[in-house]
Amino acid sequence: QVQLVESGGGLVQAGESLRLSCAASGNIARVNAMGWYRQAAGPQRELVATITSGGSTNYADFVKGRFTISRDNGKNTVYLQMNSLKPEDTAVYYCNANLRLRVGLPLDLNYWGQGTQVTVSS
């Protein structure tokens, strides 16, 4: 019933930029917080940045000053502008959205995108 479709990943050199996008679609009543997480080698997924429906943002320390999260509420889309990329930013980046459906139980649930690969070469 809900799809989160990510785009914008790729291979870049250190110091370059990328912009990720994630659009939520389906039978959605409202979208609450949205965010980006990443997973490098290993099982742990770490928070990169989040943004509330009102525009309040939160960043992991390792991206502060380099990455900017934003959203377009009319399009249910979240963006991640990544500047000054480093090789250690290499990971699969996942979009997350907390949202409520128009049908079913009135619950706010978390949904994940399929992930997009970001590779930064030195």
C-alpha atoms as a PDB file:
ATOM      1  CA  GLN A   1       0.000   0.000   0.000  1.00  0.00           C
ATOM      2  CA  VAL A   2       2.970   2.317   0.533  1.00  0.00           C
ATOM      3  CA  GLN A   3       6.081   2.735  -1.554  1.00  0.00           C
ATOM      4  CA  LEU A   4       9.184   4.761  -0.775  1.00  0.00           C
ATOM      5  CA  VAL A   5      11.205   5.199  -3.940  1.00  0.00           C
ATOM      6  CA  GLU A   6      14.740   6.522  -3.627  1.00  0.00           C
ATOM      7  CA  SER A   7      16.943   7.962  -6.324  1.00  0.00           C
ATOM      8  CA  GLY A   8      20.146   9.917  -6.730  1.00  0.00           C
ATOM      9  CA  GLY A   9      22.836   7.543  -5.534  1.00  0.00           C
ATOM     10  CA  GLY A  10      25.980   6.880  -7.502  1.00  0.00           C
ATOM     11  CA  LEU A  11      29.760   6.949  -7.654  1.00  0.00           C
ATOM     12  CA  VAL A  12      31.577  10.218  -7.003  1.00  0.00           C
ATOM     13  CA  GLN A  13      35.030  11.350  -5.984  1.00  0.00           C
ATOM     14  CA  ALA A  14      35.891  12.739  -2.581  1.00  0.00           C
ATOM     15  CA  GLY A  15      34.837  16.367  -2.245  1.00  0.00           C
ATOM     16  CA  GLU A  16      31.994  16.099  -4.736  1.00  0.00           C
ATOM     17  CA  SER A  17      28.249  16.265  -4.101  1.00  0.00           C
ATOM     18  CA  LEU A  18      25.159  14.127  -4.539  1.00  0.00           C
ATOM     19  CA  ARG A  19      21.478  14.745  -3.942  1.00  0.00           C
ATOM     20  CA  LEU A  20      19.227  11.904  -2.845  1.00  0.00           C
ATOM     21  CA  SER A  21      15.452  11.959  -3.224  1.00  0.00           C
ATOM     22  CA  CYS A  22      12.762   9.764  -1.731  1.00  0.00           C
ATOM     23  CA  ALA A  23       9.099   9.949  -2.668  1.00  0.00           C
ATOM     24  CA  ALA A  24       6.376   8.284  -0.622  1.00  0.00           C
ATOM     25  CA  SER A  25       3.287   7.142  -2.483  1.00  0.00           C
ATOM     26  CA  GLY A  26       0.202   5.091  -1.759  1.00  0.00           C
ATOM     27  CA  ASN A  27      -2.939   5.431   0.255  1.00  0.00           C
ATOM     28  CA  ILE A  28      -1.400   7.918   2.701  1.00  0.00           C
ATOM     29  CA  ALA A  29      -3.352  10.083   5.098  1.00  0.00           C
ATOM     30  CA  ARG A  30      -0.391  11.968   6.471  1.00  0.00           C
ATOM     31  CA  VAL A  31       3.400  11.801   6.587  1.00  0.00           C
ATOM     32  CA  ASN A  32       5.057  12.606   9.898  1.00  0.00           C
ATOM     33  CA  ALA A  33       8.838  12.563  10.248  1.00  0.00           C
ATOM     34  CA  MET A  34      11.020  11.483   7.357  1.00  0.00           C
ATOM     35  CA  GLY A  35      14.678  10.665   7.431  1.00  0.00           C
ATOM     36  CA  TRP A  36      17.762   9.093   5.959  1.00  0.00           C
ATOM     37  CA  TYR A  37      19.793   6.247   7.414  1.00  0.00           C
ATOM     38  CA  ARG A  38      22.818   4.471   6.048  1.00  0.00           C
ATOM     39  CA  GLN A  39      24.391   1.053   6.285  1.00  0.00           C
ATOM     40  CA  ALA A  40      27.990   0.368   5.425  1.00  0.00           C
ATOM     41  CA  ALA A  41      29.605  -3.063   5.745  1.00  0.00           C
ATOM     42  CA  GLY A  42      27.968  -4.789   8.676  1.00  0.00           C
ATOM     43  CA  PRO A  43      24.445  -5.151  10.026  1.00  0.00           C
ATOM     44  CA  GLN A  44      24.041  -1.824  11.793  1.00  0.00           C
ATOM     45  CA  ARG A  45      22.041   0.961  10.152  1.00  0.00           C
ATOM     46  CA  GLU A  46      22.859   4.438  11.449  1.00  0.00           C
ATOM     47  CA  LEU A  47      20.873   7.640  11.451  1.00  0.00           C
ATOM     48  CA  VAL A  48      22.046  10.355   9.079  1.00  0.00           C
ATOM     49  CA  ALA A  49      19.348  13.007   9.347  1.00  0.00           C
ATOM     50  CA  THR A  50      15.657  13.431  10.108  1.00  0.00           C
ATOM     51  CA  ILE A  51      13.084  16.117   9.465  1.00  0.00           C
ATOM     52  CA  THR A  52       9.635  16.592  10.973  1.00  0.00           C
ATOM     53  CA  SER A  53       6.543  17.610   9.059  1.00  0.00           C
ATOM     54  CA  GLY A  54       7.078  21.093  10.457  1.00  0.00           C
ATOM     55  CA  GLY A  55      10.643  21.267   9.164  1.00  0.00           C
ATOM     56  CA  SER A  56      12.650  20.675  12.324  1.00  0.00           C
ATOM     57  CA  THR A  57      15.850  18.832  11.525  1.00  0.00           C
ATOM     58  CA  ASN A  58      18.292  16.587  13.319  1.00  0.00           C
ATOM     59  CA  TYR A  59      21.704  15.467  12.060  1.00  0.00           C
ATOM     60  CA  ALA A  60      24.299  12.936  13.018  1.00  0.00           C
ATOM     61  CA  ASP A  61      27.496  14.626  14.136  1.00  0.00           C
ATOM     62  CA  PHE A  62      29.482  13.121  11.280  1.00  0.00           C
ATOM     63  CA  VAL A  63      27.407  14.966   8.629  1.00  0.00           C
ATOM     64  CA  LYS A  64      26.803  18.306  10.319  1.00  0.00           C
ATOM     65  CA  GLY A  65      27.862  21.149   8.070  1.00  0.00           C
ATOM     66  CA  ARG A  66      28.086  18.881   5.003  1.00  0.00           C
ATOM     67  CA  PHE A  67      24.612  17.361   4.515  1.00  0.00           C
ATOM     68  CA  THR A  68      21.248  19.118   4.391  1.00  0.00           C
ATOM     69  CA  ILE A  69      17.881  17.406   4.696  1.00  0.00           C
ATOM     70  CA  SER A  70      14.740  19.021   3.314  1.00  0.00           C
ATOM     71  CA  ARG A  71      11.254  17.984   2.274  1.00  0.00           C
ATOM     72  CA  ASP A  72       8.356  18.915   0.050  1.00  0.00           C
ATOM     73  CA  ASN A  73       5.192  18.101   1.976  1.00  0.00           C
ATOM     74  CA  GLY A  74       3.000  18.546  -1.088  1.00  0.00           C
ATOM     75  CA  LYS A  75       4.942  15.802  -2.862  1.00  0.00           C
ATOM     76  CA  ASN A  76       5.601  13.604   0.201  1.00  0.00           C
ATOM     77  CA  THR A  77       9.256  13.776  -0.776  1.00  0.00           C
ATOM     78  CA  VAL A  78      12.401  14.098   1.292  1.00  0.00           C
ATOM     79  CA  TYR A  79      15.801  15.138  -0.012  1.00  0.00           C
ATOM     80  CA  LEU A  80      19.351  14.799   1.218  1.00  0.00           C
ATOM     81  CA  GLN A  81      21.903  17.178  -0.235  1.00  0.00           C
ATOM     82  CA  MET A  82      25.346  15.732   0.416  1.00  0.00           C
ATOM     83  CA  ASN A  83      28.342  18.002  -0.056  1.00  0.00           C
ATOM     84  CA  SER A  84      32.049  17.481   0.591  1.00  0.00           C
ATOM     85  CA  LEU A  85      31.603  13.742   0.417  1.00  0.00           C
ATOM     86  CA  LYS A  86      34.246  11.534   2.008  1.00  0.00           C
ATOM     87  CA  PRO A  87      35.159   7.897   1.332  1.00  0.00           C
ATOM     88  CA  GLU A  88      33.757   7.019   4.753  1.00  0.00           C
ATOM     89  CA  ASP A  89      30.337   8.195   3.545  1.00  0.00           C
ATOM     90  CA  THR A  90      30.230   5.151   1.274  1.00  0.00           C
ATOM     91  CA  ALA A  91      27.139   3.135   2.211  1.00  0.00           C
ATOM     92  CA  VAL A  92      23.648   2.152   1.166  1.00  0.00           C
ATOM     93  CA  TYR A  93      21.358   5.035   2.071  1.00  0.00           C
ATOM     94  CA  TYR A  94      17.813   4.237   3.157  1.00  0.00           C
ATOM     95  CA  CYS A  95      14.827   6.520   3.306  1.00  0.00           C
ATOM     96  CA  ASN A  96      12.444   6.219   6.250  1.00  0.00           C
ATOM     97  CA  ALA A  97       8.989   7.693   6.683  1.00  0.00           C
ATOM     98  CA  ASN A  98       6.629   7.593   9.624  1.00  0.00           C
ATOM     99  CA  LEU A  99       3.146   7.838   8.234  1.00  0.00           C
ATOM    100  CA  ARG A 100      -0.504   6.987   8.608  1.00  0.00           C
ATOM    101  CA  LEU A 101      -2.587   5.254   5.971  1.00  0.00           C
ATOM    102  CA  ARG A 102      -6.080   6.248   4.906  1.00  0.00           C
ATOM    103  CA  VAL A 103      -7.314   2.725   5.555  1.00  0.00           C
ATOM    104  CA  GLY A 104      -6.808   0.257   8.346  1.00  0.00           C
ATOM    105  CA  LEU A 105      -5.951   0.973  11.957  1.00  0.00           C
ATOM    106  CA  PRO A 106      -5.232   4.616  12.911  1.00  0.00           C
ATOM    107  CA  LEU A 107      -1.567   3.951  13.644  1.00  0.00           C
ATOM    108  CA  ASP A 108       1.614   5.786  12.712  1.00  0.00           C
ATOM    109  CA  LEU A 109       3.997   3.238  11.238  1.00  0.00           C
ATOM    110  CA  ASN A 110       7.536   3.301   9.879  1.00  0.00           C
ATOM    111  CA  TYR A 111       8.255   2.418   6.278  1.00  0.00           C
ATOM    112  CA  TRP A 112      11.587   1.964   4.502  1.00  0.00           C
ATOM    113  CA  GLY A 113      12.787   2.439   0.982  1.00  0.00           C
ATOM    114  CA  GLN A 114      14.812  -0.151  -0.880  1.00  0.00           C
ATOM    115  CA  GLY A 115      18.086   1.726  -0.469  1.00  0.00           C
ATOM    116  CA  THR A 116      20.388   3.525  -2.878  1.00  0.00           C
ATOM    117  CA  GLN A 117      24.138   2.981  -3.085  1.00  0.00           C
ATOM    118  CA  VAL A 118      26.490   5.903  -2.556  1.00  0.00           C
ATOM    119  CA  THR A 119      30.149   5.246  -3.272  1.00  0.00           C
ATOM    120  CA  VAL A 120      32.832   7.869  -2.696  1.00  0.00           C
ATOM    121  CA  SER A 121      36.288   7.193  -4.096  1.00  0.00           C
ATOM    122  CA  SER A 122      39.443   8.776  -2.724  1.00  0.00           C
END
